[in-house]
Amino acid sequence: MDNRLFRRRSVAIDFNVYDDSNGELLGRMGDLSPAGFMVYSKHALKSETLYKLRVEYLGEDGSLKSARLKAKSMWAGRDVNPELHACGFRFFDLEAPTASKAVTELLARFTVGESDHEDY
């Protein structure tokens, strides 16, 4: 059974996701929801691990913005594309105003799909 709290929404632009503690590129964001997101990576990521992540994106004024987010890797494994690995993250500590604002902005500006009010 699927344990997601919200329906995934496709990301219209490829965002790189970095480990903010060491600057390492982990992969690119594949989808996003108010509760978490998926990352496609060229290497395996550890599941059940709390990460400090950074996602860079362009603000509405064209300036580079960084979303700094804590997220726990809930599952990890091979993608259907045998050259990639996939990892599902659940946001952790979205009470931080800047993190919550960044997720809201990413969802509003860069995702395609149905609105979250239809999710249950």
N, C-alpha and C. Protein backbone atom coordinates (compact mmCIF):
# COMPACT_ATOMS: atom_id res chain seq x y z
N MET A 1 0.83 -1.18 0.00
CA MET A 1 0.00 0.00 0.00
C MET A 1 0.87 1.24 0.00
N ASP A 2 0.44 2.26 -0.68
CA ASP A 2 1.14 3.53 -0.78
C ASP A 2 0.93 4.33 0.50
N ASN A 3 2.01 4.75 1.16
CA ASN A 3 1.90 5.48 2.42
C ASN A 3 2.06 6.99 2.27
N ARG A 4 1.94 7.50 1.07
CA ARG A 4 2.10 8.93 0.86
C ARG A 4 0.93 9.70 1.44
N LEU A 5 1.23 10.88 1.99
CA LEU A 5 0.19 11.75 2.54
C LEU A 5 -0.45 12.59 1.46
N PHE A 6 0.29 12.89 0.40
CA PHE A 6 -0.17 13.73 -0.69
C PHE A 6 0.21 13.11 -2.02
N ARG A 7 -0.55 13.42 -3.03
CA ARG A 7 -0.26 12.96 -4.38
C ARG A 7 1.02 13.66 -4.88
N ARG A 8 1.85 12.89 -5.54
CA ARG A 8 3.06 13.47 -6.14
C ARG A 8 2.68 14.41 -7.27
N ARG A 9 3.48 15.45 -7.44
CA ARG A 9 3.28 16.37 -8.55
C ARG A 9 4.59 16.45 -9.33
N SER A 10 4.50 16.33 -10.64
CA SER A 10 5.69 16.38 -11.48
C SER A 10 6.33 17.76 -11.42
N VAL A 11 7.64 17.76 -11.46
CA VAL A 11 8.41 19.00 -11.46
C VAL A 11 8.67 19.39 -12.90
N ALA A 12 8.35 20.64 -13.26
CA ALA A 12 8.46 21.10 -14.64
C ALA A 12 9.90 21.42 -15.04
N ILE A 13 10.78 21.62 -14.07
CA ILE A 13 12.18 21.97 -14.32
C ILE A 13 13.04 21.03 -13.50
N ASP A 14 14.17 20.59 -14.05
CA ASP A 14 15.08 19.75 -13.28
C ASP A 14 15.82 20.60 -12.25
N PHE A 15 15.65 20.27 -10.97
CA PHE A 15 16.36 20.95 -9.90
C PHE A 15 17.42 20.02 -9.36
N ASN A 16 18.63 20.52 -9.23
CA ASN A 16 19.67 19.74 -8.58
C ASN A 16 19.45 19.77 -7.08
N VAL A 17 19.69 18.64 -6.44
CA VAL A 17 19.56 18.51 -4.99
C VAL A 17 20.95 18.19 -4.44
N TYR A 18 21.38 19.00 -3.47
CA TYR A 18 22.71 18.87 -2.89
C TYR A 18 22.62 18.48 -1.43
N ASP A 19 23.63 17.75 -0.97
CA ASP A 19 23.80 17.53 0.46
C ASP A 19 24.40 18.83 1.00
N ASP A 20 23.64 19.57 1.79
CA ASP A 20 24.09 20.90 2.22
C ASP A 20 25.24 20.83 3.21
N SER A 21 25.47 19.67 3.83
CA SER A 21 26.56 19.56 4.80
C SER A 21 27.94 19.48 4.13
N ASN A 22 27.98 18.97 2.88
CA ASN A 22 29.28 18.86 2.20
C ASN A 22 29.27 19.38 0.76
N GLY A 23 28.13 19.85 0.27
CA GLY A 23 28.05 20.40 -1.08
C GLY A 23 27.94 19.37 -2.19
N GLU A 24 27.91 18.08 -1.84
CA GLU A 24 27.84 17.02 -2.85
C GLU A 24 26.50 17.03 -3.58
N LEU A 25 26.58 16.91 -4.89
CA LEU A 25 25.37 16.77 -5.70
C LEU A 25 24.82 15.37 -5.49
N LEU A 26 23.58 15.28 -4.98
CA LEU A 26 22.95 13.97 -4.77
C LEU A 26 22.22 13.50 -6.01
N GLY A 27 21.59 14.42 -6.73
CA GLY A 27 20.85 14.05 -7.92
C GLY A 27 19.90 15.17 -8.30
N ARG A 28 18.82 14.79 -9.02
CA ARG A 28 17.84 15.80 -9.43
C ARG A 28 16.46 15.41 -8.92
N MET A 29 15.68 16.43 -8.64
CA MET A 29 14.34 16.22 -8.11
C MET A 29 13.45 15.66 -9.21
N GLY A 30 12.71 14.60 -8.91
CA GLY A 30 11.83 13.99 -9.89
C GLY A 30 10.38 14.36 -9.72
N ASP A 31 9.95 14.51 -8.47
CA ASP A 31 8.60 14.96 -8.20
C ASP A 31 8.58 15.57 -6.81
N LEU A 32 7.45 16.22 -6.48
CA LEU A 32 7.36 17.00 -5.26
C LEU A 32 5.93 16.97 -4.74
N SER A 33 5.79 16.96 -3.43
CA SER A 33 4.48 17.10 -2.79
C SER A 33 4.69 17.95 -1.54
N PRO A 34 3.63 18.38 -0.88
CA PRO A 34 3.81 19.14 0.35
C PRO A 34 4.51 18.36 1.46
N ALA A 35 4.57 17.05 1.35
CA ALA A 35 5.19 16.22 2.38
C ALA A 35 6.59 15.72 2.04
N GLY A 36 6.98 15.78 0.76
CA GLY A 36 8.29 15.26 0.40
C GLY A 36 8.54 15.30 -1.09
N PHE A 37 9.57 14.57 -1.52
CA PHE A 37 9.95 14.57 -2.93
C PHE A 37 10.79 13.34 -3.24
N MET A 38 11.03 13.11 -4.51
CA MET A 38 11.86 12.01 -4.95
C MET A 38 13.08 12.56 -5.68
N VAL A 39 14.20 11.90 -5.51
CA VAL A 39 15.44 12.27 -6.17
C VAL A 39 15.91 11.11 -7.03
N TYR A 40 16.30 11.43 -8.26
CA TYR A 40 16.97 10.48 -9.14
C TYR A 40 18.46 10.74 -9.03
N SER A 41 19.24 9.69 -8.82
CA SER A 41 20.67 9.83 -8.59
C SER A 41 21.45 8.81 -9.41
N LYS A 42 22.70 9.15 -9.69
CA LYS A 42 23.58 8.21 -10.39
C LYS A 42 24.19 7.19 -9.43
N HIS A 43 24.07 7.46 -8.13
CA HIS A 43 24.59 6.52 -7.14
C HIS A 43 23.53 6.26 -6.07
N ALA A 44 23.68 5.15 -5.38
CA ALA A 44 22.71 4.76 -4.36
C ALA A 44 22.78 5.71 -3.16
N LEU A 45 21.62 6.08 -2.65
CA LEU A 45 21.54 6.89 -1.44
C LEU A 45 21.06 6.00 -0.30
N LYS A 46 21.43 6.34 0.92
CA LYS A 46 21.03 5.55 2.08
C LYS A 46 19.59 5.86 2.46
N SER A 47 18.84 4.83 2.78
CA SER A 47 17.49 5.05 3.29
C SER A 47 17.56 5.20 4.80
N GLU A 48 16.45 5.70 5.37
CA GLU A 48 16.35 5.91 6.81
C GLU A 48 17.46 6.83 7.34
N THR A 49 17.79 7.87 6.57
CA THR A 49 18.84 8.81 6.94
C THR A 49 18.29 10.22 6.88
N LEU A 50 18.62 11.03 7.88
CA LEU A 50 18.20 12.42 7.90
C LEU A 50 19.26 13.25 7.20
N TYR A 51 18.84 13.98 6.17
CA TYR A 51 19.74 14.81 5.38
C TYR A 51 19.42 16.29 5.58
N LYS A 52 20.44 17.12 5.47
CA LYS A 52 20.26 18.56 5.30
C LYS A 52 20.51 18.81 3.82
N LEU A 53 19.48 19.26 3.12
CA LEU A 53 19.53 19.36 1.66
C LEU A 53 19.44 20.81 1.21
N ARG A 54 19.94 21.05 0.00
CA ARG A 54 19.82 22.37 -0.63
C ARG A 54 19.33 22.18 -2.05
N VAL A 55 18.28 22.92 -2.41
CA VAL A 55 17.74 22.92 -3.76
C VAL A 55 17.86 24.35 -4.26
N GLU A 56 18.51 24.53 -5.40
CA GLU A 56 18.66 25.88 -5.96
C GLU A 56 17.67 26.08 -7.09
N TYR A 57 17.07 27.28 -7.13
CA TYR A 57 16.08 27.61 -8.15
C TYR A 57 16.08 29.11 -8.38
N LEU A 58 15.46 29.53 -9.47
CA LEU A 58 15.38 30.96 -9.78
C LEU A 58 14.13 31.56 -9.16
N GLY A 59 14.32 32.69 -8.48
CA GLY A 59 13.20 33.44 -7.93
C GLY A 59 12.45 34.13 -9.06
N GLU A 60 11.30 34.69 -8.73
CA GLU A 60 10.49 35.37 -9.74
C GLU A 60 11.22 36.55 -10.37
N ASP A 61 12.16 37.13 -9.64
CA ASP A 61 12.93 38.26 -10.17
C ASP A 61 14.18 37.80 -10.92
N GLY A 62 14.37 36.48 -11.08
CA GLY A 62 15.51 35.95 -11.81
C GLY A 62 16.74 35.69 -10.96
N SER A 63 16.68 36.03 -9.67
CA SER A 63 17.83 35.81 -8.79
C SER A 63 17.87 34.35 -8.34
N LEU A 64 19.07 33.87 -8.07
CA LEU A 64 19.26 32.50 -7.60
C LEU A 64 18.85 32.41 -6.14
N LYS A 65 17.98 31.44 -5.83
CA LYS A 65 17.52 31.21 -4.46
C LYS A 65 17.90 29.79 -4.06
N SER A 66 18.07 29.60 -2.78
CA SER A 66 18.37 28.27 -2.24
C SER A 66 17.33 27.90 -1.20
N ALA A 67 16.74 26.74 -1.37
CA ALA A 67 15.86 26.18 -0.36
C ALA A 67 16.69 25.21 0.46
N ARG A 68 16.81 25.47 1.74
CA ARG A 68 17.53 24.58 2.64
C ARG A 68 16.49 23.82 3.45
N LEU A 69 16.52 22.49 3.30
CA LEU A 69 15.46 21.64 3.84
C LEU A 69 16.06 20.45 4.56
N LYS A 70 15.45 20.07 5.66
CA LYS A 70 15.78 18.80 6.30
C LYS A 70 14.79 17.78 5.77
N ALA A 71 15.29 16.61 5.41
CA ALA A 71 14.42 15.56 4.90
C ALA A 71 15.01 14.20 5.26
N LYS A 72 14.13 13.26 5.53
CA LYS A 72 14.54 11.90 5.84
C LYS A 72 14.30 11.03 4.62
N SER A 73 15.31 10.26 4.24
CA SER A 73 15.15 9.31 3.14
C SER A 73 14.35 8.12 3.65
N MET A 74 13.20 7.91 3.04
CA MET A 74 12.28 6.88 3.50
C MET A 74 12.50 5.54 2.80
N TRP A 75 12.92 5.60 1.56
CA TRP A 75 13.19 4.40 0.79
C TRP A 75 14.21 4.75 -0.29
N ALA A 76 14.91 3.75 -0.77
CA ALA A 76 15.89 3.95 -1.84
C ALA A 76 16.04 2.65 -2.61
N GLY A 77 16.28 2.78 -3.91
CA GLY A 77 16.48 1.59 -4.72
C GLY A 77 16.73 1.94 -6.17
N ARG A 78 16.88 0.95 -6.98
CA ARG A 78 17.09 1.13 -8.42
C ARG A 78 15.84 1.72 -9.06
N ASP A 79 16.05 2.60 -10.01
CA ASP A 79 14.95 3.16 -10.79
C ASP A 79 14.66 2.19 -11.94
N VAL A 80 13.55 2.43 -12.65
CA VAL A 80 13.26 1.61 -13.83
C VAL A 80 14.33 1.83 -14.89
N ASN A 81 14.94 3.01 -14.92
CA ASN A 81 16.11 3.25 -15.77
C ASN A 81 17.30 2.65 -15.03
N PRO A 82 17.91 1.58 -15.55
CA PRO A 82 18.96 0.88 -14.81
C PRO A 82 20.21 1.72 -14.52
N GLU A 83 20.33 2.88 -15.16
CA GLU A 83 21.48 3.75 -14.90
C GLU A 83 21.26 4.67 -13.69
N LEU A 84 20.05 4.66 -13.14
CA LEU A 84 19.72 5.58 -12.05
C LEU A 84 19.21 4.85 -10.81
N HIS A 85 19.34 5.54 -9.69
CA HIS A 85 18.76 5.12 -8.43
C HIS A 85 17.70 6.16 -8.08
N ALA A 86 16.70 5.76 -7.32
CA ALA A 86 15.66 6.68 -6.87
C ALA A 86 15.61 6.63 -5.34
N CYS A 87 15.27 7.78 -4.75
CA CYS A 87 15.17 7.86 -3.31
C CYS A 87 14.02 8.78 -2.95
N GLY A 88 13.14 8.30 -2.08
CA GLY A 88 12.00 9.09 -1.63
C GLY A 88 12.29 9.76 -0.30
N PHE A 89 12.10 11.07 -0.23
CA PHE A 89 12.36 11.85 0.98
C PHE A 89 11.06 12.38 1.56
N ARG A 90 10.97 12.40 2.88
CA ARG A 90 9.87 13.06 3.58
C ARG A 90 10.46 14.26 4.31
N PHE A 91 9.82 15.42 4.13
CA PHE A 91 10.29 16.62 4.80
C PHE A 91 10.27 16.42 6.31
N PHE A 92 11.25 16.99 6.95
CA PHE A 92 11.41 16.90 8.38
C PHE A 92 11.61 18.33 8.88
N ASP A 93 10.85 18.76 9.84
CA ASP A 93 11.00 20.09 10.42
C ASP A 93 10.68 21.22 9.44
N LEU A 94 9.49 21.15 8.86
CA LEU A 94 9.04 22.23 7.96
C LEU A 94 8.50 23.43 8.74
N GLU A 95 8.62 23.39 10.07
CA GLU A 95 8.16 24.51 10.87
C GLU A 95 9.03 25.74 10.66
N ALA A 96 10.26 25.55 10.19
CA ALA A 96 11.13 26.70 9.90
C ALA A 96 10.48 27.53 8.81
N PRO A 97 10.23 28.83 9.06
CA PRO A 97 9.50 29.66 8.08
C PRO A 97 10.12 29.68 6.69
N THR A 98 11.44 29.70 6.60
CA THR A 98 12.07 29.77 5.28
C THR A 98 11.88 28.46 4.52
N ALA A 99 11.92 27.32 5.21
CA ALA A 99 11.73 26.03 4.56
C ALA A 99 10.30 25.89 4.05
N SER A 100 9.36 26.21 4.89
CA SER A 100 7.95 26.12 4.51
C SER A 100 7.64 27.04 3.33
N LYS A 101 8.16 28.25 3.36
CA LYS A 101 7.95 29.21 2.28
C LYS A 101 8.56 28.69 0.97
N ALA A 102 9.74 28.11 1.05
CA ALA A 102 10.41 27.60 -0.15
C ALA A 102 9.62 26.45 -0.77
N VAL A 103 9.12 25.53 0.05
CA VAL A 103 8.33 24.40 -0.47
C VAL A 103 7.06 24.92 -1.12
N THR A 104 6.40 25.87 -0.49
CA THR A 104 5.18 26.45 -1.06
C THR A 104 5.48 27.10 -2.41
N GLU A 105 6.59 27.83 -2.50
CA GLU A 105 6.96 28.48 -3.76
C GLU A 105 7.30 27.46 -4.84
N LEU A 106 8.05 26.43 -4.50
CA LEU A 106 8.39 25.39 -5.47
C LEU A 106 7.13 24.71 -5.99
N LEU A 107 6.21 24.39 -5.09
CA LEU A 107 4.96 23.75 -5.51
C LEU A 107 4.14 24.65 -6.42
N ALA A 108 4.04 25.91 -6.07
CA ALA A 108 3.19 26.84 -6.83
C ALA A 108 3.78 27.19 -8.20
N ARG A 109 5.08 27.32 -8.26
CA ARG A 109 5.69 27.82 -9.49
C ARG A 109 6.23 26.74 -10.43
N PHE A 110 6.59 25.58 -9.91
CA PHE A 110 7.36 24.65 -10.72
C PHE A 110 6.78 23.25 -10.84
N THR A 111 5.56 23.04 -10.40
CA THR A 111 4.99 21.70 -10.54
C THR A 111 3.79 21.73 -11.47
N VAL A 112 3.51 20.58 -12.03
CA VAL A 112 2.34 20.40 -12.88
C VAL A 112 1.53 19.25 -12.29
N GLY A 113 0.24 19.32 -12.44
CA GLY A 113 -0.61 18.25 -11.91
C GLY A 113 -1.74 18.84 -11.11
N GLU A 114 -2.46 17.96 -10.45
CA GLU A 114 -3.65 18.36 -9.71
C GLU A 114 -3.28 19.07 -8.43
N SER A 115 -4.18 19.91 -7.95
CA SER A 115 -3.95 20.62 -6.70
C SER A 115 -4.07 19.67 -5.52
N ASP A 116 -3.47 20.03 -4.40
CA ASP A 116 -3.40 19.16 -3.24
C ASP A 116 -4.72 19.03 -2.50
N HIS A 117 -5.67 19.92 -2.72
CA HIS A 117 -6.92 19.82 -1.98
C HIS A 117 -7.71 18.57 -2.37
N GLU A 118 -7.33 17.93 -3.46
CA GLU A 118 -8.01 16.71 -3.88
C GLU A 118 -7.36 15.46 -3.29
N ASP A 119 -6.24 15.65 -2.57
CA ASP A 119 -5.52 14.51 -2.00
C ASP A 119 -6.11 14.14 -0.64
N TYR A 120 -5.92 12.88 -0.28
CA TYR A 120 -6.38 12.43 1.02
C TYR A 120 -5.49 11.31 1.51
